[in-house]
Protein backbone atom coordinates (compact mmCIF):
# COMPACT_ATOMS: atom_id res chain seq x y z
CA MET A 1 -101.42 -2.56 5.21
CA PRO A 2 -98.15 -4.45 6.12
CA ASP A 3 -98.36 -7.86 7.32
CA ALA A 4 -97.38 -8.05 10.84
CA SER A 5 -97.56 -11.87 11.05
CA TYR A 6 -94.02 -12.74 10.10
CA ASP A 7 -91.04 -13.36 12.39
CA HIS A 8 -88.45 -10.33 11.96
CA GLU A 9 -85.52 -12.68 12.85
CA SER A 10 -86.06 -14.87 9.71
CA ILE A 11 -87.72 -12.48 7.22
CA PRO A 12 -86.31 -9.03 6.40
CA ALA A 13 -88.52 -6.30 5.06
CA LYS A 14 -88.84 -6.41 1.35
CA PRO A 15 -86.26 -4.05 -0.27
CA LEU A 16 -87.04 -1.73 -3.17
CA GLN A 17 -85.09 -1.75 -6.30
CA PRO A 18 -84.30 1.93 -7.02
CA SER A 19 -82.74 3.45 -10.12
CA GLY A 20 -79.18 3.36 -8.55
CA THR A 21 -78.98 7.12 -8.38
CA MET A 22 -80.02 9.54 -5.44
CA GLU A 23 -82.86 12.08 -5.97
CA TYR A 24 -81.95 14.90 -3.69
CA MET A 25 -84.54 17.22 -4.56
CA ARG A 26 -87.18 14.53 -4.00
CA SER A 27 -86.29 14.76 -0.36
CA PHE A 28 -87.75 18.12 -0.62
CA HIS A 29 -90.79 17.72 -2.64
CA TYR A 30 -92.11 14.60 -0.87
CA VAL A 31 -92.67 16.45 2.33
CA PHE A 32 -95.43 18.58 0.73
CA GLU A 33 -97.00 15.58 -1.02
CA ASN A 34 -98.87 14.41 2.32
CA PRO A 35 -102.07 16.46 2.77
CA ASN A 36 -101.19 17.06 6.26
CA TRP A 37 -97.91 18.31 5.63
CA VAL A 38 -98.68 21.70 7.59
CA THR A 39 -99.63 19.53 10.72
CA ASN A 40 -96.50 17.54 10.43
CA ILE A 41 -94.37 20.40 10.20
CA LEU A 42 -96.19 22.06 12.99
CA PHE A 43 -95.72 19.22 15.39
CA THR A 44 -92.16 18.56 14.51
CA GLY A 45 -91.55 22.24 14.94
CA LEU A 46 -93.15 22.22 18.47
CA CYS A 47 -90.79 19.34 19.47
CA PHE A 48 -87.99 21.66 18.38
CA LEU A 49 -89.36 24.49 20.25
CA SER A 50 -89.69 22.33 23.31
CA THR A 51 -85.91 21.75 23.60
CA SER A 52 -85.48 25.32 24.66
CA VAL A 53 -87.42 24.61 27.74
CA ILE A 54 -86.48 20.70 28.08
CA PRO A 55 -83.42 19.91 26.41
CA VAL A 56 -82.82 16.62 24.46
CA ILE A 57 -86.55 14.98 24.74
CA GLY A 58 -87.82 16.98 21.83
CA GLN A 59 -84.99 16.04 19.77
CA LEU A 60 -85.36 12.38 20.58
CA VAL A 61 -88.87 12.53 19.72
CA ILE A 62 -88.00 13.90 16.31
CA GLN A 63 -85.43 11.33 15.61
CA GLY A 64 -87.95 8.64 16.54
CA TYR A 65 -90.39 10.17 14.06
CA GLN A 66 -87.64 10.32 11.44
CA PHE A 67 -87.30 6.65 11.69
CA GLU A 68 -90.95 5.92 11.58
CA ILE A 69 -90.88 7.58 8.36
CA LEU A 70 -87.89 5.87 6.96
CA GLU A 71 -89.32 2.52 8.00
CA ALA A 72 -92.63 3.26 6.48
CA LEU A 73 -91.30 4.43 3.03
CA HIS A 74 -89.04 1.32 2.95
CA ARG A 75 -92.00 -1.02 3.73
CA ASN A 76 -94.55 0.59 1.74
CA PRO A 77 -92.67 2.15 -1.21
CA GLY A 78 -94.48 4.72 -3.23
CA THR A 79 -96.83 5.77 -0.51
CA GLN A 80 -97.11 9.01 1.52
CA TYR A 81 -95.07 9.23 4.69
CA PRO A 82 -96.98 8.65 7.93
CA ASP A 83 -98.42 11.61 9.87
CA PHE A 84 -96.88 12.73 13.19
CA ASP A 85 -99.10 11.01 15.79
CA MET A 86 -99.47 12.51 19.21
CA ASN A 87 -100.60 9.11 20.56
CA LYS A 88 -97.27 7.80 19.64
CA LEU A 89 -95.04 10.28 21.49
CA LEU A 90 -93.68 7.56 23.79
CA ASP A 91 -92.87 5.39 20.75
CA TYR A 92 -90.95 8.07 19.24
CA LEU A 93 -89.23 8.94 22.29
CA LEU A 94 -88.02 5.24 22.79
CA ARG A 95 -86.94 4.78 19.20
CA GLY A 96 -85.01 8.09 19.21
CA PHE A 97 -83.52 7.16 22.59
CA TRP A 98 -81.57 4.08 20.78
CA VAL A 99 -80.27 6.45 18.18
CA PHE A 100 -79.05 8.87 20.88
CA LEU A 101 -77.32 6.09 22.73
CA VAL A 102 -75.46 4.91 19.73
CA SER A 103 -74.52 8.38 18.77
CA LEU A 104 -73.29 9.06 22.17
CA VAL A 105 -70.85 6.21 21.91
CA VAL A 106 -69.49 7.48 18.95
CA VAL A 107 -69.11 10.79 19.97
CA LEU A 108 -67.33 9.82 23.16
CA VAL A 109 -64.80 7.93 20.95
CA LEU A 110 -64.29 10.80 18.60
CA PHE A 111 -63.80 12.95 21.78
CA VAL A 112 -60.91 10.48 22.96
CA VAL A 113 -59.39 10.81 19.40
CA PHE A 114 -59.57 14.41 18.98
CA PHE A 115 -58.43 15.01 22.65
CA GLY A 116 -55.42 12.93 21.75
CA LEU A 117 -54.75 14.96 18.55
CA PHE A 118 -55.04 18.20 20.55
CA VAL A 119 -52.68 17.00 23.21
CA LEU A 120 -50.34 15.60 20.67
CA GLY A 121 -50.43 18.79 18.50
CA GLY A 122 -49.83 21.09 21.67
CA ALA A 123 -46.70 18.95 22.56
CA ILE A 124 -45.38 19.12 18.97
CA VAL A 125 -46.11 22.66 18.85
CA GLY A 126 -44.52 23.31 21.90
CA GLY A 127 -41.20 21.40 20.96
CA ALA A 128 -41.26 22.82 17.50
CA GLY A 129 -41.34 26.42 18.96
CA ALA A 130 -38.51 25.59 21.46
CA ALA A 131 -36.42 24.15 18.67
CA ALA A 132 -37.11 27.04 16.16
CA GLY A 133 -36.41 29.83 18.68
CA ASP A 134 -38.18 33.18 18.86
CA ASP A 135 -37.93 33.78 15.12
CA GLY A 136 -39.17 30.56 13.82
CA ALA A 137 -41.74 29.86 16.61
CA GLY A 138 -44.62 31.22 14.76
CA ILE A 139 -44.03 29.45 11.48
CA ALA A 140 -43.64 26.20 13.54
CA ILE A 141 -46.89 26.57 15.06
CA ALA A 142 -48.70 27.50 11.87
CA VAL A 143 -47.11 24.62 10.10
CA VAL A 144 -48.02 21.79 12.89
CA GLY A 145 -51.63 23.42 13.19
CA LEU A 146 -52.21 22.93 9.65
CA ILE A 147 -50.98 19.25 9.74
CA VAL A 148 -53.32 18.69 12.67
CA VAL A 149 -56.25 20.23 10.94
CA LEU A 150 -55.55 18.11 7.81
CA ILE A 151 -55.29 15.03 9.86
CA ALA A 152 -58.62 15.89 11.75
CA PHE A 153 -60.62 16.64 8.75
CA PRO A 154 -60.53 13.15 7.15
CA ILE A 155 -61.17 11.67 10.49
CA GLY A 156 -64.25 13.71 11.04
CA ILE A 157 -65.42 12.65 7.40
CA ALA A 158 -64.81 9.03 8.37
CA ALA A 159 -66.71 9.27 11.61
CA GLN A 160 -69.89 10.76 9.70
CA MET A 161 -69.55 7.77 7.44
CA ILE A 162 -69.63 5.29 10.39
CA MET A 163 -72.42 7.44 12.05
CA VAL A 164 -74.82 7.11 9.26
CA PRO A 165 -74.93 3.20 9.05
CA LEU A 166 -74.74 2.86 12.91
CA MET A 167 -77.74 5.22 13.24
CA LEU A 168 -79.62 3.42 10.63
CA ARG A 169 -79.29 0.23 12.51
CA ALA A 170 -80.18 1.64 15.84
CA GLY A 171 -83.36 3.39 14.40
CA LEU A 172 -84.63 0.33 12.58
CA THR A 173 -83.82 -2.50 14.82
CA GLN A 174 -84.42 -0.45 17.81
CA ASP A 175 -81.85 -2.46 19.69
CA PHE A 176 -78.59 -1.16 21.13
CA GLY A 177 -76.52 -4.08 20.67
CA SER A 178 -77.53 -4.89 17.17
CA SER A 179 -76.55 -1.51 16.11
CA PHE A 180 -72.71 -2.33 16.09
CA ASP A 181 -72.47 -4.62 13.29
CA ILE A 182 -68.95 -3.87 11.82
CA ALA A 183 -69.56 -5.98 8.75
CA PHE A 184 -72.73 -4.11 7.72
CA VAL A 185 -70.90 -0.67 8.54
CA LYS A 186 -68.11 -1.72 6.17
CA GLN A 187 -70.70 -2.82 3.35
CA PHE A 188 -72.75 0.43 3.67
CA ILE A 189 -69.68 2.51 3.43
CA ARG A 190 -68.43 0.77 0.52
CA ASN A 191 -71.82 0.84 -1.22
CA THR A 192 -72.65 4.54 -0.58
CA TRP A 193 -69.60 6.52 0.54
CA MET A 194 -69.99 8.78 -2.37
CA GLU A 195 -73.77 9.31 -1.96
CA MET A 196 -73.27 9.90 1.76
CA ILE A 197 -70.88 12.75 1.08
CA LEU A 198 -73.11 14.38 -1.65
CA SER A 199 -76.29 13.85 0.68
CA GLY A 200 -74.43 15.64 3.43
CA LEU A 201 -73.45 18.50 1.58
CA PHE A 202 -76.95 18.87 -0.14
CA LEU A 203 -78.55 18.83 3.30
CA ALA A 204 -76.13 21.23 4.73
CA LEU A 205 -76.92 23.60 1.96
CA ALA A 206 -80.45 23.12 2.19
CA GLY A 207 -80.53 23.38 6.05
CA LEU A 208 -78.67 26.81 5.63
CA LEU A 209 -81.24 28.04 3.23
CA LEU A 210 -84.24 26.86 5.36
CA TYR A 211 -82.47 28.58 8.46
CA ILE A 212 -82.13 31.90 6.57
CA VAL A 213 -85.99 31.46 5.46
CA GLY A 214 -86.95 30.80 9.12
CA ALA A 215 -84.94 33.75 10.46
CA ALA A 216 -86.56 36.10 8.08
CA MET A 217 -89.89 35.02 9.76
CA LEU A 218 -89.21 36.66 13.11
CA CYS A 219 -86.55 34.08 13.91
CA ILE A 220 -89.53 31.74 15.48
CA GLY A 221 -89.88 30.28 11.76
CA ILE A 222 -86.55 28.60 12.41
CA PHE A 223 -88.11 25.85 14.51
CA PHE A 224 -90.54 25.08 11.45
CA THR A 225 -88.36 25.53 8.48
CA MET A 226 -85.73 23.22 10.23
CA SER A 227 -88.33 20.74 10.74
CA ILE A 228 -88.55 20.44 6.87
CA ALA A 229 -84.81 19.61 6.94
CA MET A 230 -85.50 16.95 9.40
CA LEU A 231 -88.14 15.47 7.12
CA MET A 232 -85.66 15.80 4.34
CA GLN A 233 -83.04 13.99 6.10
CA ALA A 234 -85.54 11.11 6.77
CA HIS A 235 -86.07 10.78 3.08
CA LEU A 236 -82.22 10.87 2.13
CA GLY A 237 -81.87 8.25 4.67
CA VAL A 238 -84.19 5.90 3.14
CA GLN A 239 -82.53 6.48 -0.22
CA LEU A 240 -79.30 5.58 0.97
CA TYR A 241 -80.54 2.41 2.50
CA GLU A 242 -82.30 1.37 -0.40
CA LEU A 243 -79.13 2.11 -2.72
CA HIS A 244 -77.17 -0.07 -0.30
CA LEU A 245 -79.57 -2.86 -0.88
CA ALA A 246 -79.71 -2.59 -4.58
CA ARG A 247 -75.91 -2.81 -4.61
CA GLY A 248 -75.82 -6.06 -2.75
CA GLY A 249 -75.83 -4.87 0.69
CA ASP A 250 -77.21 -6.93 3.61
CA PRO A 251 -80.84 -5.83 4.88
CA ILE A 252 -81.41 -4.70 8.34
CA LEU A 253 -83.69 -7.06 10.30
CA MET A 254 -86.42 -4.97 11.87
CA LYS A 255 -89.11 -5.54 14.36
CA PRO A 256 -92.47 -6.49 12.89
CA PRO A 257 -94.70 -3.53 12.07
CA THR A 258 -97.53 -3.10 14.73
CA ALA A 259 -101.03 -4.02 13.56
């Protein structure tokens, strides 16, 4: 069992020493190595299903469980991920709430940025259309629209890269103020930017395939196949964090584990 006697402000959790590469398919296989995988997927799927009745709450519980898995795999490498514990629903909810708050801040900032781009693009399109006249208005609008899209796309990629380390810090520190460590964000992006892109693409493809499989099971299966995607996301998250540590990145100071 992990030692809960240390002070988390002075001793960070012991990092792993990974091979330096991501094991993408490992994020799928590990889900079924736990003998209680059916129960874990069932409970996670029921949380998904609950969002159709009570929005957000189920998603917060799932995020909290994800970081419970991520921390457990970090502290105890080579072990099975923890089972979904109904007695810890409140713990999952509170942990997911910190991640939600940090995500909300980033989303609000992005909204301001993209709204500004939208207004600027509309003004440019209007000016270009007026200058080009009736004959060239369509071409001017298409060109300006393409430019706006080309600007917005890298901003979206950059935002996702910033979101990952911020959410990691929120879920592992369980503290709002500690999540916004710019130095850590820069380090993490520098150490894992390529792997973050590839992980995102892999998870998007896996999520699409799992969604199709779930839809084939009278659609209700979507809630449970997407639970697998959430468990995969947790494993990819811990792989990225361990890769960051292996490349000299600073560790996240976590709360001590409960006895």
